[in-house]
N, C-alpha and C. Protein backbone atom coordinates (compact mmCIF):
# COMPACT_ATOMS: atom_id res chain seq x y z
N UNK A 1 81.41 170.95 172.43
CA UNK A 1 82.85 171.04 172.27
C UNK A 1 83.49 170.02 173.21
N UNK A 2 84.33 169.16 172.67
CA UNK A 2 85.02 168.17 173.49
C UNK A 2 86.16 168.83 174.26
N UNK A 3 86.69 168.12 175.25
CA UNK A 3 87.83 168.65 176.00
C UNK A 3 89.02 168.88 175.07
N UNK A 4 89.25 167.98 174.13
CA UNK A 4 90.37 168.15 173.19
C UNK A 4 90.15 169.37 172.31
N UNK A 5 88.94 169.57 171.82
CA UNK A 5 88.66 170.75 171.00
C UNK A 5 88.83 172.03 171.81
N UNK A 6 88.40 171.99 173.08
CA UNK A 6 88.56 173.16 173.94
C UNK A 6 90.04 173.44 174.17
N UNK A 7 90.80 172.40 174.46
CA UNK A 7 92.24 172.57 174.68
C UNK A 7 92.90 173.14 173.44
N UNK A 8 92.58 172.56 172.27
CA UNK A 8 93.17 173.03 171.02
C UNK A 8 92.82 174.49 170.75
N UNK A 9 91.58 174.88 171.04
CA UNK A 9 91.15 176.26 170.82
C UNK A 9 91.88 177.22 171.75
N UNK A 10 92.04 176.84 173.00
CA UNK A 10 92.74 177.71 173.97
C UNK A 10 94.20 177.87 173.58
N UNK A 11 94.86 176.76 173.25
CA UNK A 11 96.28 176.82 172.86
C UNK A 11 96.44 177.65 171.60
N UNK A 12 95.59 177.41 170.59
CA UNK A 12 95.70 178.15 169.34
C UNK A 12 95.47 179.64 169.55
N UNK A 13 94.48 180.00 170.36
CA UNK A 13 94.19 181.41 170.61
C UNK A 13 95.34 182.08 171.34
N UNK A 14 95.90 181.39 172.33
CA UNK A 14 97.04 181.94 173.07
C UNK A 14 98.23 182.13 172.15
N UNK A 15 98.52 181.13 171.33
CA UNK A 15 99.65 181.23 170.41
C UNK A 15 99.44 182.34 169.39
N UNK A 16 98.24 182.46 168.85
CA UNK A 16 97.95 183.51 167.87
C UNK A 16 98.08 184.89 168.51
N UNK A 17 97.76 184.99 169.81
CA UNK A 17 97.91 186.25 170.53
C UNK A 17 99.37 186.54 170.87
N UNK A 18 100.26 185.54 170.63
CA UNK A 18 101.68 185.73 170.89
C UNK A 18 102.04 185.72 172.36
N UNK A 19 101.27 184.98 173.15
CA UNK A 19 101.48 184.95 174.59
C UNK A 19 102.08 183.62 175.04
N UNK A 20 102.94 183.70 176.05
CA UNK A 20 103.40 182.49 176.73
C UNK A 20 102.33 182.10 177.74
N UNK A 21 102.46 180.91 178.31
CA UNK A 21 101.51 180.52 179.35
C UNK A 21 101.59 181.48 180.53
N UNK A 22 102.80 181.92 180.88
CA UNK A 22 102.96 182.85 182.00
C UNK A 22 102.24 184.17 181.72
N UNK A 23 102.39 184.69 180.51
CA UNK A 23 101.73 185.93 180.14
C UNK A 23 100.21 185.77 180.13
N UNK A 24 99.74 184.62 179.66
CA UNK A 24 98.31 184.36 179.67
C UNK A 24 97.78 184.35 181.10
N UNK A 25 98.52 183.74 182.01
CA UNK A 25 98.11 183.70 183.41
C UNK A 25 98.05 185.09 184.02
N UNK A 26 99.04 185.91 183.70
CA UNK A 26 99.03 187.29 184.20
C UNK A 26 97.82 188.04 183.67
N UNK A 27 97.54 187.89 182.39
CA UNK A 27 96.41 188.59 181.78
C UNK A 27 95.08 188.13 182.38
N UNK A 28 95.00 186.84 182.71
CA UNK A 28 93.78 186.27 183.26
C UNK A 28 93.69 186.41 184.78
N UNK A 29 94.82 186.70 185.42
CA UNK A 29 94.84 186.81 186.87
C UNK A 29 94.66 185.48 187.58
N UNK A 30 95.26 184.44 187.02
CA UNK A 30 95.14 183.11 187.61
C UNK A 30 96.52 182.49 187.82
N UNK A 31 96.56 181.42 188.60
CA UNK A 31 97.79 180.69 188.87
C UNK A 31 98.10 179.79 187.69
N UNK A 32 99.39 179.63 187.39
CA UNK A 32 99.79 178.85 186.23
C UNK A 32 99.30 177.40 186.31
N UNK A 33 99.26 176.82 187.50
CA UNK A 33 98.84 175.42 187.60
C UNK A 33 97.40 175.23 187.12
N UNK A 34 96.54 176.20 187.42
CA UNK A 34 95.15 176.11 186.94
C UNK A 34 95.12 176.22 185.43
N UNK A 35 95.87 177.15 184.89
CA UNK A 35 95.87 177.35 183.44
C UNK A 35 96.40 176.13 182.71
N UNK A 36 97.50 175.56 183.19
CA UNK A 36 98.08 174.40 182.50
C UNK A 36 97.12 173.21 182.53
N UNK A 37 96.31 173.09 183.57
CA UNK A 37 95.30 172.03 183.59
C UNK A 37 94.28 172.24 182.48
N UNK A 38 93.92 173.49 182.24
CA UNK A 38 92.96 173.78 181.17
C UNK A 38 93.58 173.46 179.82
N UNK A 39 94.84 173.90 179.62
CA UNK A 39 95.50 173.65 178.34
C UNK A 39 95.78 172.18 178.11
N UNK A 40 95.93 171.42 179.16
CA UNK A 40 96.19 170.00 179.00
C UNK A 40 94.91 169.25 178.64
N UNK A 41 93.77 169.89 178.81
CA UNK A 41 92.49 169.26 178.51
C UNK A 41 92.02 168.32 179.61
N UNK A 42 92.61 168.43 180.78
CA UNK A 42 92.23 167.55 181.89
C UNK A 42 90.96 168.00 182.59
N UNK A 43 90.62 169.26 182.45
CA UNK A 43 89.45 169.81 183.13
C UNK A 43 88.62 170.62 182.14
N UNK A 44 87.33 170.46 182.22
CA UNK A 44 86.47 171.31 181.40
C UNK A 44 86.30 172.63 182.13
N UNK A 45 85.88 173.62 181.40
CA UNK A 45 85.77 174.97 181.96
C UNK A 45 84.32 175.43 181.93
N UNK A 46 83.92 176.18 182.96
CA UNK A 46 82.60 176.80 182.90
C UNK A 46 82.57 177.86 181.80
N UNK A 47 81.41 178.13 181.30
CA UNK A 47 81.24 179.08 180.20
C UNK A 47 81.82 180.44 180.53
N UNK A 48 81.64 180.92 181.76
CA UNK A 48 82.17 182.24 182.10
C UNK A 48 83.70 182.26 182.02
N UNK A 49 84.36 181.16 182.35
CA UNK A 49 85.81 181.09 182.25
C UNK A 49 86.24 181.05 180.80
N UNK A 50 85.54 180.30 179.96
CA UNK A 50 85.85 180.29 178.53
C UNK A 50 85.69 181.69 177.93
N UNK A 51 84.66 182.39 178.35
CA UNK A 51 84.46 183.77 177.87
C UNK A 51 85.61 184.67 178.31
N UNK A 52 86.07 184.50 179.54
CA UNK A 52 87.17 185.30 180.06
C UNK A 52 88.46 185.03 179.28
N UNK A 53 88.73 183.76 179.01
CA UNK A 53 89.92 183.39 178.24
C UNK A 53 89.82 183.96 176.82
N UNK A 54 88.69 183.76 176.19
CA UNK A 54 88.50 184.26 174.83
C UNK A 54 88.73 185.77 174.77
N UNK A 55 88.13 186.50 175.68
CA UNK A 55 88.27 187.96 175.72
C UNK A 55 89.73 188.37 175.93
N UNK A 56 90.44 187.68 176.81
CA UNK A 56 91.84 188.00 177.10
C UNK A 56 92.73 187.81 175.88
N UNK A 57 92.33 186.90 174.99
CA UNK A 57 93.13 186.61 173.81
C UNK A 57 92.59 187.30 172.56
N UNK A 58 91.58 188.15 172.71
CA UNK A 58 91.05 188.90 171.58
C UNK A 58 90.00 188.15 170.78
N UNK A 59 89.30 187.22 171.42
CA UNK A 59 88.26 186.44 170.76
C UNK A 59 86.96 186.58 171.54
N UNK A 60 85.92 186.01 170.98
CA UNK A 60 84.67 185.82 171.71
C UNK A 60 84.38 184.33 171.64
N UNK A 61 83.65 183.84 172.62
CA UNK A 61 83.32 182.41 172.64
C UNK A 61 81.84 182.25 172.37
N UNK A 62 81.52 181.60 171.25
CA UNK A 62 80.13 181.31 170.89
C UNK A 62 80.04 179.85 170.49
N UNK A 63 80.38 178.97 171.44
CA UNK A 63 80.43 177.55 171.15
C UNK A 63 81.78 177.15 170.58
N UNK A 64 82.51 178.14 170.10
CA UNK A 64 83.89 177.99 169.65
C UNK A 64 84.53 179.37 169.70
N UNK A 65 85.85 179.42 169.66
CA UNK A 65 86.54 180.71 169.66
C UNK A 65 86.40 181.33 168.28
N UNK A 66 85.92 182.57 168.24
CA UNK A 66 85.80 183.32 166.99
C UNK A 66 86.54 184.64 167.16
N UNK A 67 87.26 185.01 166.13
CA UNK A 67 87.97 186.29 166.23
C UNK A 67 86.98 187.43 166.17
N UNK A 68 87.30 188.50 166.84
CA UNK A 68 86.42 189.67 166.84
C UNK A 68 86.33 190.25 165.44
N UNK A 69 87.41 190.15 164.65
CA UNK A 69 87.40 190.66 163.29
C UNK A 69 86.38 189.89 162.44
N UNK A 70 86.32 188.56 162.62
CA UNK A 70 85.37 187.76 161.87
C UNK A 70 83.93 188.18 162.22
N UNK A 71 83.68 188.42 163.49
CA UNK A 71 82.35 188.82 163.90
C UNK A 71 81.98 190.20 163.36
N UNK A 72 82.95 191.11 163.34
CA UNK A 72 82.69 192.46 162.83
C UNK A 72 82.37 192.44 161.34
N UNK A 73 82.95 191.48 160.61
CA UNK A 73 82.70 191.43 159.17
C UNK A 73 81.29 190.93 158.87
N UNK A 74 80.62 190.36 159.86
CA UNK A 74 79.26 189.87 159.66
C UNK A 74 78.22 190.98 159.82
N UNK A 75 78.62 192.11 160.39
CA UNK A 75 77.66 193.20 160.62
C UNK A 75 77.73 194.24 159.54
């Protein structure tokens, strides 16, 4: 996953969850400056952070953000 793809996935997941950047930061327990760096695509994220973001927005991360509903339909 490229930085642009990661940024696009994070922004899309946050928007689909109906959250502002401030609300996302509160949910994740992080400072807004760190979050905006991630959304800008300036920094890559460790896998555990991507998992935390995905979970906070109602997704799972398996190389890309997947909705939990999509995963449940596979079982």
